[in-house]
N, C-alpha and C. Protein backbone atom coordinates (compact mmCIF):
# COMPACT_ATOMS: atom_id res chain seq x y z
N MET A 1 -60.12 -79.42 -7.76
CA MET A 1 -59.98 -79.67 -9.18
C MET A 1 -60.91 -78.77 -9.99
N VAL A 2 -62.14 -78.60 -9.50
CA VAL A 2 -63.12 -77.77 -10.21
C VAL A 2 -62.63 -76.32 -10.27
N VAL A 3 -62.03 -75.86 -9.18
CA VAL A 3 -61.53 -74.48 -9.14
C VAL A 3 -60.40 -74.31 -10.15
N LEU A 4 -59.49 -75.27 -10.22
CA LEU A 4 -58.39 -75.20 -11.16
C LEU A 4 -58.89 -75.16 -12.60
N VAL A 5 -59.83 -76.03 -12.94
CA VAL A 5 -60.39 -76.05 -14.30
C VAL A 5 -61.09 -74.73 -14.59
N SER A 6 -61.81 -74.19 -13.63
CA SER A 6 -62.51 -72.92 -13.82
C SER A 6 -61.52 -71.79 -14.09
N LEU A 7 -60.43 -71.73 -13.33
CA LEU A 7 -59.43 -70.69 -13.54
C LEU A 7 -58.76 -70.82 -14.90
N LEU A 8 -58.46 -72.05 -15.30
CA LEU A 8 -57.85 -72.26 -16.60
C LEU A 8 -58.80 -71.85 -17.73
N MET A 9 -60.06 -72.20 -17.61
CA MET A 9 -61.05 -71.84 -18.62
C MET A 9 -61.20 -70.32 -18.73
N GLN A 10 -61.25 -69.63 -17.60
CA GLN A 10 -61.39 -68.18 -17.61
C GLN A 10 -60.19 -67.53 -18.27
N GLY A 11 -59.01 -68.03 -17.94
CA GLY A 11 -57.79 -67.45 -18.50
C GLY A 11 -57.69 -67.59 -20.00
N THR A 12 -58.20 -68.68 -20.54
CA THR A 12 -58.11 -68.87 -21.99
C THR A 12 -59.25 -68.21 -22.74
N THR A 13 -60.42 -68.06 -22.10
CA THR A 13 -61.57 -67.51 -22.82
C THR A 13 -61.64 -65.99 -22.76
N ILE A 14 -61.10 -65.37 -21.74
CA ILE A 14 -61.17 -63.90 -21.63
C ILE A 14 -60.51 -63.24 -22.82
N GLY A 15 -59.30 -63.68 -23.17
CA GLY A 15 -58.61 -63.10 -24.32
C GLY A 15 -59.34 -63.35 -25.62
N ALA A 16 -59.88 -64.56 -25.79
CA ALA A 16 -60.60 -64.89 -27.02
C ALA A 16 -61.86 -64.03 -27.16
N VAL A 17 -62.60 -63.87 -26.09
CA VAL A 17 -63.82 -63.04 -26.13
C VAL A 17 -63.45 -61.59 -26.39
N ALA A 18 -62.41 -61.10 -25.76
CA ALA A 18 -61.98 -59.71 -25.97
C ALA A 18 -61.60 -59.47 -27.43
N ARG A 19 -60.88 -60.41 -28.03
CA ARG A 19 -60.51 -60.25 -29.45
C ARG A 19 -61.74 -60.25 -30.35
N ARG A 20 -62.68 -61.15 -30.09
CA ARG A 20 -63.88 -61.25 -30.94
C ARG A 20 -64.78 -60.02 -30.81
N THR A 21 -64.84 -59.43 -29.63
CA THR A 21 -65.71 -58.27 -29.42
C THR A 21 -65.00 -56.95 -29.66
N GLY A 22 -63.69 -57.00 -29.93
CA GLY A 22 -62.94 -55.78 -30.21
C GLY A 22 -62.62 -54.95 -28.97
N VAL A 23 -62.71 -55.55 -27.80
CA VAL A 23 -62.38 -54.84 -26.57
C VAL A 23 -60.87 -54.68 -26.47
N ALA A 24 -60.42 -53.49 -26.13
CA ALA A 24 -58.99 -53.24 -26.00
C ALA A 24 -58.45 -54.00 -24.80
N GLN A 25 -57.31 -54.64 -25.00
CA GLN A 25 -56.65 -55.34 -23.92
C GLN A 25 -55.40 -54.57 -23.53
N PRO A 26 -54.97 -54.69 -22.29
CA PRO A 26 -53.73 -54.01 -21.90
C PRO A 26 -52.56 -54.54 -22.71
N ALA A 27 -51.55 -53.71 -22.86
CA ALA A 27 -50.38 -54.12 -23.63
C ALA A 27 -49.75 -55.34 -22.98
N GLY A 28 -49.41 -56.29 -23.81
CA GLY A 28 -48.76 -57.50 -23.32
C GLY A 28 -47.26 -57.40 -23.54
N LYS A 29 -46.55 -58.43 -23.11
CA LYS A 29 -45.10 -58.36 -23.25
C LYS A 29 -44.67 -58.39 -24.71
N ASP A 30 -45.54 -58.85 -25.64
CA ASP A 30 -45.18 -58.81 -27.06
C ASP A 30 -45.26 -57.41 -27.63
N ASP A 31 -45.90 -56.47 -26.92
CA ASP A 31 -45.99 -55.09 -27.38
C ASP A 31 -44.84 -54.22 -26.87
N ILE A 32 -44.01 -54.77 -26.01
CA ILE A 32 -42.89 -54.03 -25.46
C ILE A 32 -41.72 -54.18 -26.41
N PRO A 33 -41.06 -53.06 -26.76
CA PRO A 33 -39.92 -53.17 -27.68
C PRO A 33 -38.85 -54.07 -27.08
N PRO A 34 -38.19 -54.85 -27.91
CA PRO A 34 -37.16 -55.76 -27.39
C PRO A 34 -35.98 -54.97 -26.82
N GLN A 35 -35.37 -55.52 -25.80
CA GLN A 35 -34.18 -54.91 -25.23
C GLN A 35 -32.99 -55.27 -26.11
N ARG A 36 -32.25 -54.28 -26.47
CA ARG A 36 -31.07 -54.51 -27.31
C ARG A 36 -29.89 -54.88 -26.42
N SER A 37 -29.07 -55.74 -26.93
CA SER A 37 -27.89 -56.16 -26.21
C SER A 37 -26.73 -56.20 -27.19
N ASP A 38 -25.55 -55.95 -26.69
CA ASP A 38 -24.37 -56.03 -27.55
C ASP A 38 -24.07 -57.47 -27.95
N GLU A 39 -24.65 -58.42 -27.21
CA GLU A 39 -24.31 -59.81 -27.43
C GLU A 39 -25.31 -60.55 -28.31
N VAL A 40 -26.51 -59.98 -28.54
CA VAL A 40 -27.55 -60.67 -29.31
C VAL A 40 -28.12 -59.72 -30.36
N ARG A 41 -28.25 -60.22 -31.58
CA ARG A 41 -28.92 -59.46 -32.63
C ARG A 41 -30.38 -59.93 -32.67
N ASP A 42 -31.29 -58.97 -32.78
CA ASP A 42 -32.72 -59.24 -32.70
C ASP A 42 -33.35 -58.79 -34.02
N HIS A 43 -33.99 -59.71 -34.74
CA HIS A 43 -34.57 -59.41 -36.06
C HIS A 43 -36.05 -59.76 -36.07
N GLU A 44 -36.89 -58.83 -36.51
CA GLU A 44 -38.31 -59.09 -36.71
C GLU A 44 -38.45 -59.92 -37.99
N LEU A 45 -39.26 -60.98 -37.93
CA LEU A 45 -39.45 -61.85 -39.09
C LEU A 45 -40.91 -61.85 -39.53
N ASP A 46 -41.11 -61.95 -40.83
CA ASP A 46 -42.45 -62.09 -41.40
C ASP A 46 -42.83 -63.56 -41.35
N PRO A 47 -43.88 -63.93 -40.61
CA PRO A 47 -44.24 -65.34 -40.47
C PRO A 47 -44.65 -66.03 -41.78
N SER A 48 -44.92 -65.24 -42.83
CA SER A 48 -45.30 -65.86 -44.11
C SER A 48 -44.08 -66.19 -44.98
N MET A 49 -42.89 -65.81 -44.56
CA MET A 49 -41.67 -66.15 -45.31
C MET A 49 -41.38 -67.64 -45.19
N THR A 50 -40.74 -68.19 -46.20
CA THR A 50 -40.36 -69.61 -46.11
C THR A 50 -39.10 -69.75 -45.27
N ILE A 51 -38.95 -70.91 -44.69
CA ILE A 51 -37.76 -71.20 -43.90
C ILE A 51 -36.51 -71.11 -44.77
N ALA A 52 -36.60 -71.56 -46.01
CA ALA A 52 -35.46 -71.51 -46.92
C ALA A 52 -34.97 -70.08 -47.12
N SER A 53 -35.90 -69.14 -47.31
CA SER A 53 -35.48 -67.75 -47.55
C SER A 53 -34.90 -67.12 -46.28
N ILE A 54 -35.44 -67.46 -45.13
CA ILE A 54 -34.90 -66.93 -43.87
C ILE A 54 -33.50 -67.47 -43.63
N CYS A 55 -33.33 -68.77 -43.82
CA CYS A 55 -32.01 -69.38 -43.62
C CYS A 55 -30.98 -68.79 -44.59
N ALA A 56 -31.38 -68.55 -45.83
CA ALA A 56 -30.47 -67.95 -46.80
C ALA A 56 -30.10 -66.52 -46.39
N SER A 57 -31.07 -65.75 -45.93
CA SER A 57 -30.82 -64.35 -45.55
C SER A 57 -29.89 -64.22 -44.35
N TYR A 58 -30.02 -65.14 -43.40
CA TYR A 58 -29.25 -65.04 -42.16
C TYR A 58 -28.14 -66.08 -42.04
N LYS A 59 -27.86 -66.77 -43.16
CA LYS A 59 -26.79 -67.77 -43.21
C LYS A 59 -26.94 -68.82 -42.11
N LEU A 60 -28.13 -69.40 -42.04
CA LEU A 60 -28.43 -70.45 -41.06
C LEU A 60 -28.54 -71.79 -41.77
N PRO A 61 -28.31 -72.89 -41.07
CA PRO A 61 -28.50 -74.20 -41.70
C PRO A 61 -29.98 -74.40 -42.06
N VAL A 62 -30.21 -75.00 -43.20
CA VAL A 62 -31.58 -75.19 -43.69
C VAL A 62 -32.12 -76.53 -43.17
N PRO A 63 -33.25 -76.50 -42.44
CA PRO A 63 -33.85 -77.76 -41.96
C PRO A 63 -34.56 -78.49 -43.10
N ASP A 64 -35.00 -79.71 -42.82
CA ASP A 64 -35.70 -80.52 -43.83
C ASP A 64 -36.97 -79.85 -44.33
N ALA A 65 -37.64 -79.08 -43.48
CA ALA A 65 -38.92 -78.46 -43.83
C ALA A 65 -38.72 -77.07 -44.43
N ALA A 66 -37.76 -76.92 -45.32
CA ALA A 66 -37.40 -75.61 -45.86
C ALA A 66 -38.53 -74.94 -46.64
N ALA A 67 -39.46 -75.70 -47.18
CA ALA A 67 -40.54 -75.12 -47.99
C ALA A 67 -41.67 -74.56 -47.14
N LEU A 68 -41.71 -74.90 -45.85
CA LEU A 68 -42.77 -74.39 -44.98
C LEU A 68 -42.60 -72.91 -44.69
N THR A 69 -43.71 -72.25 -44.36
CA THR A 69 -43.61 -70.87 -43.90
C THR A 69 -43.08 -70.90 -42.47
N LEU A 70 -42.57 -69.76 -42.03
CA LEU A 70 -42.06 -69.66 -40.66
C LEU A 70 -43.15 -70.01 -39.65
N ALA A 71 -44.36 -69.50 -39.87
CA ALA A 71 -45.48 -69.75 -38.95
C ALA A 71 -45.78 -71.25 -38.87
N ASP A 72 -45.84 -71.93 -40.00
CA ASP A 72 -46.13 -73.37 -40.02
C ASP A 72 -45.00 -74.17 -39.38
N TRP A 73 -43.75 -73.83 -39.73
CA TRP A 73 -42.60 -74.54 -39.17
C TRP A 73 -42.52 -74.37 -37.66
N LEU A 74 -42.73 -73.14 -37.20
CA LEU A 74 -42.65 -72.86 -35.77
C LEU A 74 -43.77 -73.58 -35.02
N THR A 75 -44.98 -73.58 -35.57
CA THR A 75 -46.09 -74.29 -34.95
C THR A 75 -45.80 -75.79 -34.86
N GLN A 76 -45.27 -76.38 -35.93
CA GLN A 76 -44.91 -77.80 -35.91
C GLN A 76 -43.79 -78.08 -34.91
N SER A 77 -42.80 -77.21 -34.87
CA SER A 77 -41.64 -77.42 -34.01
C SER A 77 -41.99 -77.28 -32.53
N LEU A 78 -42.98 -76.45 -32.23
CA LEU A 78 -43.38 -76.26 -30.83
C LEU A 78 -44.16 -77.47 -30.29
N ASN A 79 -44.76 -78.24 -31.18
CA ASN A 79 -45.57 -79.42 -30.80
C ASN A 79 -46.72 -79.07 -29.86
N ARG A 80 -47.26 -77.88 -29.99
CA ARG A 80 -48.42 -77.43 -29.20
C ARG A 80 -48.95 -76.18 -29.88
N PRO A 81 -50.13 -75.72 -29.50
CA PRO A 81 -50.64 -74.48 -30.10
C PRO A 81 -49.66 -73.33 -29.81
N PRO A 82 -49.46 -72.44 -30.77
CA PRO A 82 -48.50 -71.35 -30.56
C PRO A 82 -48.96 -70.38 -29.48
N MET A 83 -48.01 -69.94 -28.67
CA MET A 83 -48.25 -68.96 -27.61
C MET A 83 -47.11 -67.95 -27.62
N VAL A 84 -47.40 -66.72 -27.23
CA VAL A 84 -46.36 -65.70 -27.12
C VAL A 84 -45.29 -66.21 -26.18
N GLY A 85 -44.04 -66.09 -26.62
CA GLY A 85 -42.92 -66.54 -25.82
C GLY A 85 -42.42 -67.92 -26.19
N GLY A 86 -43.23 -68.68 -26.95
CA GLY A 86 -42.79 -70.00 -27.40
C GLY A 86 -41.57 -69.84 -28.29
N ALA A 87 -40.58 -70.70 -28.12
CA ALA A 87 -39.34 -70.54 -28.88
C ALA A 87 -38.77 -71.88 -29.30
N VAL A 88 -38.06 -71.83 -30.42
CA VAL A 88 -37.34 -72.99 -30.95
C VAL A 88 -35.93 -72.51 -31.24
N SER A 89 -34.95 -73.33 -30.92
CA SER A 89 -33.55 -72.94 -31.14
C SER A 89 -32.87 -73.89 -32.12
N PRO A 90 -32.95 -73.56 -33.42
CA PRO A 90 -32.22 -74.37 -34.40
C PRO A 90 -30.77 -73.90 -34.44
N GLY A 91 -29.88 -74.65 -33.88
CA GLY A 91 -28.48 -74.22 -33.83
C GLY A 91 -28.28 -73.13 -32.79
N LYS A 92 -27.50 -72.12 -33.14
CA LYS A 92 -27.22 -71.03 -32.20
C LYS A 92 -28.30 -69.96 -32.21
N ALA A 93 -29.17 -69.97 -33.21
CA ALA A 93 -30.24 -68.96 -33.30
C ALA A 93 -31.46 -69.42 -32.51
N THR A 94 -32.29 -68.46 -32.13
CA THR A 94 -33.56 -68.76 -31.46
C THR A 94 -34.66 -68.02 -32.19
N VAL A 95 -35.73 -68.72 -32.54
CA VAL A 95 -36.90 -68.10 -33.16
C VAL A 95 -37.99 -68.09 -32.10
N MET A 96 -38.55 -66.89 -31.83
CA MET A 96 -39.51 -66.71 -30.76
C MET A 96 -40.82 -66.15 -31.28
N VAL A 97 -41.92 -66.67 -30.79
CA VAL A 97 -43.26 -66.17 -31.12
C VAL A 97 -43.46 -64.86 -30.35
N ARG A 98 -43.80 -63.79 -31.07
CA ARG A 98 -44.02 -62.48 -30.43
C ARG A 98 -45.48 -62.08 -30.40
N ALA A 99 -46.31 -62.61 -31.30
CA ALA A 99 -47.75 -62.32 -31.29
C ALA A 99 -48.50 -63.44 -31.99
N VAL A 100 -49.68 -63.74 -31.45
CA VAL A 100 -50.56 -64.77 -32.02
C VAL A 100 -51.94 -64.14 -32.18
N ARG A 101 -52.52 -64.28 -33.37
CA ARG A 101 -53.88 -63.79 -33.62
C ARG A 101 -54.72 -64.94 -34.16
N ASP A 102 -55.83 -65.19 -33.49
CA ASP A 102 -56.75 -66.26 -33.89
C ASP A 102 -56.04 -67.61 -34.03
N GLY A 103 -55.10 -67.88 -33.15
CA GLY A 103 -54.40 -69.16 -33.14
C GLY A 103 -53.29 -69.29 -34.16
N VAL A 104 -52.98 -68.20 -34.88
CA VAL A 104 -51.94 -68.23 -35.91
C VAL A 104 -50.83 -67.26 -35.52
N ILE A 105 -49.60 -67.65 -35.73
CA ILE A 105 -48.46 -66.78 -35.40
C ILE A 105 -48.50 -65.56 -36.30
N ALA A 106 -48.55 -64.37 -35.68
CA ALA A 106 -48.64 -63.11 -36.43
C ALA A 106 -47.31 -62.36 -36.45
N ARG A 107 -46.48 -62.56 -35.44
CA ARG A 107 -45.16 -61.90 -35.38
C ARG A 107 -44.17 -62.86 -34.75
N ALA A 108 -42.94 -62.79 -35.25
CA ALA A 108 -41.88 -63.65 -34.72
C ALA A 108 -40.56 -62.86 -34.73
N ARG A 109 -39.65 -63.29 -33.90
CA ARG A 109 -38.34 -62.65 -33.82
C ARG A 109 -37.25 -63.73 -33.94
N LEU A 110 -36.16 -63.33 -34.55
CA LEU A 110 -34.97 -64.18 -34.64
C LEU A 110 -33.91 -63.56 -33.75
N LEU A 111 -33.43 -64.30 -32.78
CA LEU A 111 -32.37 -63.85 -31.89
C LEU A 111 -31.11 -64.63 -32.24
N MET A 112 -30.04 -63.89 -32.55
CA MET A 112 -28.78 -64.54 -32.93
C MET A 112 -27.64 -63.93 -32.14
N PRO A 113 -26.73 -64.76 -31.65
CA PRO A 113 -25.55 -64.22 -30.97
C PRO A 113 -24.64 -63.53 -31.98
N ASP A 114 -23.96 -62.51 -31.53
CA ASP A 114 -23.00 -61.82 -32.42
C ASP A 114 -21.79 -62.66 -32.68
């Protein structure tokens, strides 16, 4: 049990210490350009946009929390601290966390079927 806790602590603190000290980290999967597919449209989203404006732009159904920013809505919808790769699928679309800085969603993507 002690070994497991130690490994978990190291894994979560190394990235935090590296960010605070400005040490360069190797490129993560959020730095890799998305693979394009004929079947899925991939859109970069500004996490500070409201859900209402995103839904209007992409003709998506508007959830009850339309006044929230994308970052706040996604964090609430995930029901846990945001992590790269975390995703929520409202309807046929999927909103995915692509980057997190200081515990806040910094980049997100909208994946929609054609």
